Amino acid sequence: MASIDTTDSIHIQASPARVYETVLDYPRMHTWFAPYHCTLIEGDEVAEGARVEHVIGKPPLLVVNRFVRTVQRTRPGERI
């Protein structure tokens, strides 16, 4: 399978700690952003080395975006 290495960045008007704890809970992201579902596929927590499958959208949408993200580095309470 092909892969692409990326660095994501976004500016959010909230404290780093609040954003961190929200993103850290990938498996429940769908509770506040319904089209987005995440599953930990390697590891049991979002930490360095964890792999997270992301699925945005679901049929009958014409486009369903699916990708796997590997957590490379974290700064607890600040950055994933």
PDB file of N, CA and C in Angstrom:
ATOM      1  N   MET A   1       0.839  -1.168   0.000  1.00  0.00           N
ATOM      2  CA  MET A   1       0.000   0.000   0.000  1.00  0.00           C
ATOM      3  C   MET A   1       0.891   1.240   0.000  1.00  0.00           C
ATOM      4  N   ALA A   2       0.543   2.210  -0.791  1.00  0.00           N
ATOM      5  CA  ALA A   2       1.288   3.458  -0.854  1.00  0.00           C
ATOM      6  C   ALA A   2       1.068   4.259   0.427  1.00  0.00           C
ATOM      7  N   SER A   3       2.030   5.086   0.768  1.00  0.00           N
ATOM      8  CA  SER A   3       1.865   5.939   1.937  1.00  0.00           C
ATOM      9  C   SER A   3       2.427   7.318   1.646  1.00  0.00           C
ATOM     10  N   ILE A   4       1.949   8.278   2.390  1.00  0.00           N
ATOM     11  CA  ILE A   4       2.395   9.659   2.286  1.00  0.00           C
ATOM     12  C   ILE A   4       2.692  10.131   3.705  1.00  0.00           C
ATOM     13  N   ASP A   5       3.857  10.713   3.923  1.00  0.00           N
ATOM     14  CA  ASP A   5       4.180  11.297   5.221  1.00  0.00           C
ATOM     15  C   ASP A   5       3.710  12.744   5.221  1.00  0.00           C
ATOM     16  N   THR A   6       2.942  13.116   6.235  1.00  0.00           N
ATOM     17  CA  THR A   6       2.432  14.482   6.310  1.00  0.00           C
ATOM     18  C   THR A   6       2.561  15.015   7.726  1.00  0.00           C
ATOM     19  N   THR A   7       2.471  16.307   7.839  1.00  0.00           N
ATOM     20  CA  THR A   7       2.343  16.984   9.122  1.00  0.00           C
ATOM     21  C   THR A   7       1.093  17.836   9.019  1.00  0.00           C
ATOM     22  N   ASP A   8       0.149  17.624   9.928  1.00  0.00           N
ATOM     23  CA  ASP A   8      -1.089  18.387   9.930  1.00  0.00           C
ATOM     24  C   ASP A   8      -0.972  19.530  10.926  1.00  0.00           C
ATOM     25  N   SER A   9      -1.596  20.636  10.593  1.00  0.00           N
ATOM     26  CA  SER A   9      -1.596  21.778  11.489  1.00  0.00           C
ATOM     27  C   SER A   9      -2.925  22.503  11.337  1.00  0.00           C
ATOM     28  N   ILE A  10      -3.473  22.942  12.464  1.00  0.00           N
ATOM     29  CA  ILE A  10      -4.724  23.681  12.448  1.00  0.00           C
ATOM     30  C   ILE A  10      -4.728  24.639  13.635  1.00  0.00           C
ATOM     31  N   HIS A  11      -5.328  25.798  13.471  1.00  0.00           N
ATOM     32  CA  HIS A  11      -5.444  26.766  14.559  1.00  0.00           C
ATOM     33  C   HIS A  11      -6.866  26.708  15.096  1.00  0.00           C
ATOM     34  N   ILE A  12      -6.995  26.498  16.408  1.00  0.00           N
ATOM     35  CA  ILE A  12      -8.292  26.379  17.062  1.00  0.00           C
ATOM     36  C   ILE A  12      -8.304  27.327  18.248  1.00  0.00           C
ATOM     37  N   GLN A  13      -9.385  28.048  18.411  1.00  0.00           N
ATOM     38  CA  GLN A  13      -9.486  28.988  19.527  1.00  0.00           C
ATOM     39  C   GLN A  13      -9.938  28.254  20.786  1.00  0.00           C
ATOM     40  N   ALA A  14      -9.000  27.544  21.379  1.00  0.00           N
ATOM     41  CA  ALA A  14      -9.223  26.825  22.635  1.00  0.00           C
ATOM     42  C   ALA A  14      -7.847  26.560  23.235  1.00  0.00           C
ATOM     43  N   SER A  15      -7.832  26.224  24.492  1.00  0.00           N
ATOM     44  CA  SER A  15      -6.541  25.954  25.130  1.00  0.00           C
ATOM     45  C   SER A  15      -5.932  24.684  24.540  1.00  0.00           C
ATOM     46  N   PRO A  16      -4.598  24.621  24.469  1.00  0.00           N
ATOM     47  CA  PRO A  16      -3.956  23.402  23.972  1.00  0.00           C
ATOM     48  C   PRO A  16      -4.387  22.159  24.745  1.00  0.00           C
ATOM     49  N   ALA A  17      -4.533  22.278  26.057  1.00  0.00           N
ATOM     50  CA  ALA A  17      -4.927  21.118  26.862  1.00  0.00           C
ATOM     51  C   ALA A  17      -6.320  20.621  26.477  1.00  0.00           C
ATOM     52  N   ARG A  18      -7.264  21.530  26.228  1.00  0.00           N
ATOM     53  CA  ARG A  18      -8.639  21.136  25.852  1.00  0.00           C
ATOM     54  C   ARG A  18      -8.657  20.451  24.498  1.00  0.00           C
ATOM     55  N   VAL A  19      -7.942  21.009  23.540  1.00  0.00           N
ATOM     56  CA  VAL A  19      -7.873  20.401  22.209  1.00  0.00           C
ATOM     57  C   VAL A  19      -7.209  19.026  22.311  1.00  0.00           C
ATOM     58  N   TYR A  20      -6.137  18.936  23.063  1.00  0.00           N
ATOM     59  CA  TYR A  20      -5.399  17.675  23.212  1.00  0.00           C
ATOM     60  C   TYR A  20      -6.305  16.581  23.772  1.00  0.00           C
ATOM     61  N   GLU A  21      -7.031  16.878  24.850  1.00  0.00           N
ATOM     62  CA  GLU A  21      -7.874  15.834  25.447  1.00  0.00           C
ATOM     63  C   GLU A  21      -9.017  15.435  24.519  1.00  0.00           C
ATOM     64  N   THR A  22      -9.497  16.358  23.691  1.00  0.00           N
ATOM     65  CA  THR A  22     -10.554  16.032  22.729  1.00  0.00           C
ATOM     66  C   THR A  22     -10.024  15.139  21.619  1.00  0.00           C
ATOM     67  N   VAL A  23      -8.899  15.507  21.034  1.00  0.00           N
ATOM     68  CA  VAL A  23      -8.326  14.719  19.941  1.00  0.00           C
ATOM     69  C   VAL A  23      -7.807  13.382  20.458  1.00  0.00           C
ATOM     70  N   LEU A  24      -7.312  13.351  21.668  1.00  0.00           N
ATOM     71  CA  LEU A  24      -6.802  12.119  22.255  1.00  0.00           C
ATOM     72  C   LEU A  24      -7.883  11.039  22.316  1.00  0.00           C
ATOM     73  N   ASP A  25      -9.132  11.456  22.359  1.00  0.00           N
ATOM     74  CA  ASP A  25     -10.245  10.511  22.444  1.00  0.00           C
ATOM     75  C   ASP A  25     -10.813  10.230  21.056  1.00  0.00           C
ATOM     76  N   TYR A  26      -9.916   9.884  20.093  1.00  0.00           N
ATOM     77  CA  TYR A  26     -10.331   9.583  18.722  1.00  0.00           C
ATOM     78  C   TYR A  26     -11.556   8.670  18.646  1.00  0.00           C
ATOM     79  N   PRO A  27     -11.593   7.562  19.389  1.00  0.00           N
ATOM     80  CA  PRO A  27     -12.723   6.646  19.228  1.00  0.00           C
ATOM     81  C   PRO A  27     -14.097   7.247  19.515  1.00  0.00           C
ATOM     82  N   ARG A  28     -14.175   8.366  20.251  1.00  0.00           N
ATOM     83  CA  ARG A  28     -15.476   8.985  20.513  1.00  0.00           C
ATOM     84  C   ARG A  28     -15.698  10.246  19.698  1.00  0.00           C
ATOM     85  N   MET A  29     -14.804  10.533  18.751  1.00  0.00           N
ATOM     86  CA  MET A  29     -14.934  11.756  17.956  1.00  0.00           C
ATOM     87  C   MET A  29     -16.292  11.827  17.246  1.00  0.00           C
ATOM     88  N   HIS A  30     -16.832  10.664  16.843  1.00  0.00           N
ATOM     89  CA  HIS A  30     -18.115  10.653  16.132  1.00  0.00           C
ATOM     90  C   HIS A  30     -19.265  11.193  16.982  1.00  0.00           C
ATOM     91  N   THR A  31     -19.102  11.272  18.304  1.00  0.00           N
ATOM     92  CA  THR A  31     -20.187  11.775  19.146  1.00  0.00           C
ATOM     93  C   THR A  31     -20.393  13.273  18.981  1.00  0.00           C
ATOM     94  N   TRP A  32     -19.365  14.003  18.551  1.00  0.00           N
ATOM     95  CA  TRP A  32     -19.520  15.442  18.321  1.00  0.00           C
ATOM     96  C   TRP A  32     -19.287  15.832  16.875  1.00  0.00           C
ATOM     97  N   PHE A  33     -18.773  14.917  16.048  1.00  0.00           N
ATOM     98  CA  PHE A  33     -18.599  15.158  14.614  1.00  0.00           C
ATOM     99  C   PHE A  33     -19.031  13.885  13.898  1.00  0.00           C
ATOM    100  N   ALA A  34     -20.344  13.762  13.693  1.00  0.00           N
ATOM    101  CA  ALA A  34     -20.957  12.512  13.240  1.00  0.00           C
ATOM    102  C   ALA A  34     -20.336  11.868  11.998  1.00  0.00           C
ATOM    103  N   PRO A  35     -19.907  12.626  10.967  1.00  0.00           N
ATOM    104  CA  PRO A  35     -19.383  11.953   9.777  1.00  0.00           C
ATOM    105  C   PRO A  35     -17.985  11.346   9.979  1.00  0.00           C
ATOM    106  N   TYR A  36     -17.352  11.593  11.105  1.00  0.00           N
ATOM    107  CA  TYR A  36     -15.959  11.210  11.320  1.00  0.00           C
ATOM    108  C   TYR A  36     -15.883  10.056  12.317  1.00  0.00           C
ATOM    109  N   HIS A  37     -15.344   8.926  11.891  1.00  0.00           N
ATOM    110  CA  HIS A  37     -15.186   7.769  12.775  1.00  0.00           C
ATOM    111  C   HIS A  37     -13.722   7.358  12.814  1.00  0.00           C
ATOM    112  N   CYS A  38     -13.202   7.152  14.014  1.00  0.00           N
ATOM    113  CA  CYS A  38     -11.803   6.762  14.190  1.00  0.00           C
ATOM    114  C   CYS A  38     -11.739   5.482  15.003  1.00  0.00           C
ATOM    115  N   THR A  39     -10.775   4.635  14.645  1.00  0.00           N
ATOM    116  CA  THR A  39     -10.575   3.381  15.349  1.00  0.00           C
ATOM    117  C   THR A  39      -9.090   3.185  15.572  1.00  0.00           C
ATOM    118  N   LEU A  40      -8.700   2.880  16.811  1.00  0.00           N
ATOM    119  CA  LEU A  40      -7.315   2.528  17.072  1.00  0.00           C
ATOM    120  C   LEU A  40      -7.079   1.131  16.516  1.00  0.00           C
ATOM    121  N   ILE A  41      -6.125   0.988  15.587  1.00  0.00           N
ATOM    122  CA  ILE A  41      -5.886  -0.327  14.995  1.00  0.00           C
ATOM    123  C   ILE A  41      -4.579  -0.949  15.476  1.00  0.00           C
ATOM    124  N   GLU A  42      -3.731  -0.152  16.082  1.00  0.00           N
ATOM    125  CA  GLU A  42      -2.531  -0.681  16.731  1.00  0.00           C
ATOM    126  C   GLU A  42      -2.329   0.123  17.986  1.00  0.00           C
ATOM    127  N   GLY A  43      -2.297  -0.543  19.108  1.00  0.00           N
ATOM    128  CA  GLY A  43      -2.175   0.138  20.386  1.00  0.00           C
ATOM    129  C   GLY A  43      -3.532   0.298  21.020  1.00  0.00           C
ATOM    130  N   ASP A  44      -3.535   0.577  22.316  1.00  0.00           N
ATOM    131  CA  ASP A  44      -4.803   0.735  23.018  1.00  0.00           C
ATOM    132  C   ASP A  44      -5.018   2.156  23.514  1.00  0.00           C
ATOM    133  N   GLU A  45      -4.094   3.056  23.136  1.00  0.00           N
ATOM    134  CA  GLU A  45      -4.263   4.461  23.466  1.00  0.00           C
ATOM    135  C   GLU A  45      -3.563   5.306  22.401  1.00  0.00           C
ATOM    136  N   VAL A  46      -3.974   6.562  22.306  1.00  0.00           N
ATOM    137  CA  VAL A  46      -3.337   7.465  21.360  1.00  0.00           C
ATOM    138  C   VAL A  46      -2.019   7.906  21.983  1.00  0.00           C
ATOM    139  N   ALA A  47      -0.948   7.294  21.508  1.00  0.00           N
ATOM    140  CA  ALA A  47       0.395   7.567  22.009  1.00  0.00           C
ATOM    141  C   ALA A  47       1.360   7.351  20.851  1.00  0.00           C
ATOM    142  N   GLU A  48       2.614   7.666  21.043  1.00  0.00           N
ATOM    143  CA  GLU A  48       3.591   7.466  19.977  1.00  0.00           C
ATOM    144  C   GLU A  48       3.561   6.025  19.497  1.00  0.00           C
ATOM    145  N   GLY A  49       3.490   5.865  18.178  1.00  0.00           N
ATOM    146  CA  GLY A  49       3.439   4.548  17.567  1.00  0.00           C
ATOM    147  C   GLY A  49       2.042   4.013  17.312  1.00  0.00           C
ATOM    148  N   ALA A  50       1.027   4.610  17.922  1.00  0.00           N
ATOM    149  CA  ALA A  50      -0.349   4.149  17.718  1.00  0.00           C
ATOM    150  C   ALA A  50      -0.766   4.417  16.271  1.00  0.00           C
ATOM    151  N   ARG A  51      -1.581   3.520  15.721  1.00  0.00           N
ATOM    152  CA  ARG A  51      -2.130   3.701  14.380  1.00  0.00           C
ATOM    153  C   ARG A  51      -3.634   3.880  14.523  1.00  0.00           C
ATOM    154  N   VAL A  52      -4.150   4.901  13.839  1.00  0.00           N
ATOM    155  CA  VAL A  52      -5.558   5.258  13.942  1.00  0.00           C
ATOM    156  C   VAL A  52      -6.158   5.280  12.543  1.00  0.00           C
ATOM    157  N   GLU A  53      -7.209   4.478  12.329  1.00  0.00           N
ATOM    158  CA  GLU A  53      -7.919   4.518  11.055  1.00  0.00           C
ATOM    159  C   GLU A  53      -8.979   5.607  11.142  1.00  0.00           C
ATOM    160  N   HIS A  54      -9.013   6.463  10.118  1.00  0.00           N
ATOM    161  CA  HIS A  54      -9.982   7.553  10.040  1.00  0.00           C
ATOM    162  C   HIS A  54     -10.912   7.292   8.856  1.00  0.00           C
ATOM    163  N   VAL A  55     -12.198   7.437   9.080  1.00  0.00           N
ATOM    164  CA  VAL A  55     -13.186   7.327   8.013  1.00  0.00           C
ATOM    165  C   VAL A  55     -14.087   8.549   8.111  1.00  0.00           C
ATOM    166  N   ILE A  56     -14.141   9.315   7.019  1.00  0.00           N
ATOM    167  CA  ILE A  56     -14.974  10.509   6.974  1.00  0.00           C
ATOM    168  C   ILE A  56     -16.069  10.255   5.948  1.00  0.00           C
ATOM    169  N   GLY A  57     -17.305  10.303   6.400  1.00  0.00           N
ATOM    170  CA  GLY A  57     -18.441  10.064   5.517  1.00  0.00           C
ATOM    171  C   GLY A  57     -18.821   8.593   5.509  1.00  0.00           C
ATOM    172  N   LYS A  58     -20.004   8.322   5.011  1.00  0.00           N
ATOM    173  CA  LYS A  58     -20.470   6.946   4.864  1.00  0.00           C
ATOM    174  C   LYS A  58     -21.534   6.924   3.781  1.00  0.00           C
ATOM    175  N   PRO A  59     -21.707   5.782   3.147  1.00  0.00           N
ATOM    176  CA  PRO A  59     -22.729   5.703   2.102  1.00  0.00           C
ATOM    177  C   PRO A  59     -24.065   6.194   2.655  1.00  0.00           C
ATOM    178  N   PRO A  60     -24.858   6.901   1.888  1.00  0.00           N
ATOM    179  CA  PRO A  60     -24.849   7.017   0.436  1.00  0.00           C
ATOM    180  C   PRO A  60     -24.013   8.167  -0.118  1.00  0.00           C
ATOM    181  N   LEU A  61     -23.149   8.786   0.684  1.00  0.00           N
ATOM    182  CA  LEU A  61     -22.292   9.839   0.138  1.00  0.00           C
ATOM    183  C   LEU A  61     -21.474   9.299  -1.023  1.00  0.00           C
ATOM    184  N   LEU A  62     -21.225  10.132  -1.992  1.00  0.00           N
ATOM    185  CA  LEU A  62     -20.448   9.702  -3.148  1.00  0.00           C
ATOM    186  C   LEU A  62     -18.973   9.534  -2.811  1.00  0.00           C
ATOM    187  N   VAL A  63     -18.496  10.291  -1.842  1.00  0.00           N
ATOM    188  CA  VAL A  63     -17.077  10.216  -1.478  1.00  0.00           C
ATOM    189  C   VAL A  63     -16.956   9.815  -0.017  1.00  0.00           C
ATOM    190  N   VAL A  64     -16.235   8.754   0.232  1.00  0.00           N
ATOM    191  CA  VAL A  64     -15.901   8.341   1.590  1.00  0.00           C
ATOM    192  C   VAL A  64     -14.391   8.373   1.671  1.00  0.00           C
ATOM    193  N   ASN A  65     -13.861   9.149   2.583  1.00  0.00           N
ATOM    194  CA  ASN A  65     -12.424   9.297   2.738  1.00  0.00           C
ATOM    195  C   ASN A  65     -11.962   8.372   3.858  1.00  0.00           C
ATOM    196  N   ARG A  66     -11.004   7.518   3.562  1.00  0.00           N
ATOM    197  CA  ARG A  66     -10.493   6.568   4.556  1.00  0.00           C
ATOM    198  C   ARG A  66      -8.970   6.633   4.532  1.00  0.00           C
ATOM    199  N   PHE A  67      -8.364   6.781   5.708  1.00  0.00           N
ATOM    200  CA  PHE A  67      -6.907   6.783   5.789  1.00  0.00           C
ATOM    201  C   PHE A  67      -6.469   6.325   7.168  1.00  0.00           C
ATOM    202  N   VAL A  68      -5.205   5.935   7.269  1.00  0.00           N
ATOM    203  CA  VAL A  68      -4.623   5.522   8.541  1.00  0.00           C
ATOM    204  C   VAL A  68      -3.525   6.506   8.898  1.00  0.00           C
ATOM    205  N   ARG A  69      -3.557   6.958  10.119  1.00  0.00           N
ATOM    206  CA  ARG A  69      -2.562   7.909  10.626  1.00  0.00           C
ATOM    207  C   ARG A  69      -1.755   7.199  11.711  1.00  0.00           C
ATOM    208  N   THR A  70      -0.438   7.344  11.667  1.00  0.00           N
ATOM    209  CA  THR A  70       0.432   6.828  12.715  1.00  0.00           C
ATOM    210  C   THR A  70       0.917   7.995  13.559  1.00  0.00           C
ATOM    211  N   VAL A  71       0.735   7.910  14.853  1.00  0.00           N
ATOM    212  CA  VAL A  71       1.165   8.978  15.747  1.00  0.00           C
ATOM    213  C   VAL A  71       2.688   8.892  15.885  1.00  0.00           C
ATOM    214  N   GLN A  72       3.369   9.900  15.403  1.00  0.00           N
ATOM    215  CA  GLN A  72       4.834   9.914  15.419  1.00  0.00           C
ATOM    216  C   GLN A  72       5.403  10.458  16.725  1.00  0.00           C
ATOM    217  N   ARG A  73       4.751  11.483  17.246  1.00  0.00           N
ATOM    218  CA  ARG A  73       5.330  12.179  18.390  1.00  0.00           C
ATOM    219  C   ARG A  73       4.211  12.886  19.142  1.00  0.00           C
ATOM    220  N   THR A  74       4.324  12.960  20.429  1.00  0.00           N
ATOM    221  CA  THR A  74       3.352  13.702  21.232  1.00  0.00           C
ATOM    222  C   THR A  74       4.077  14.594  22.245  1.00  0.00           C
ATOM    223  N   ARG A  75       3.412  15.651  22.621  1.00  0.00           N
ATOM    224  CA  ARG A  75       3.778  16.473  23.775  1.00  0.00           C
ATOM    225  C   ARG A  75       2.533  16.499  24.631  1.00  0.00           C
ATOM    226  N   PRO A  76       2.456  15.640  25.642  1.00  0.00           N
ATOM    227  CA  PRO A  76       1.226  15.515  26.415  1.00  0.00           C
ATOM    228  C   PRO A  76       0.651  16.865  26.851  1.00  0.00           C
ATOM    229  N   GLY A  77      -0.655  17.002  26.595  1.00  0.00           N
ATOM    230  CA  GLY A  77      -1.360  18.226  26.933  1.00  0.00           C
ATOM    231  C   GLY A  77      -1.190  19.341  25.920  1.00  0.00           C
ATOM    232  N   GLU A  78      -0.355  19.121  24.883  1.00  0.00           N
ATOM    233  CA  GLU A  78      -0.092  20.196  23.922  1.00  0.00           C
ATOM    234  C   GLU A  78      -0.228  19.782  22.467  1.00  0.00           C
ATOM    235  N   ARG A  79       0.393  18.693  22.053  1.00  0.00           N
ATOM    236  CA  ARG A  79       0.480  18.400  20.628  1.00  0.00           C
ATOM    237  C   ARG A  79       0.515  16.884  20.394  1.00  0.00           C
ATOM    238  N   ILE A  80      -0.228  16.461  19.361  1.00  0.00           N
ATOM    239  CA  ILE A  80      -0.178  15.065  18.898  1.00  0.00           C
ATOM    240  C   ILE A  80       0.364  15.094  17.490  1.00  0.00           C
TER     241      ILE A  80
END
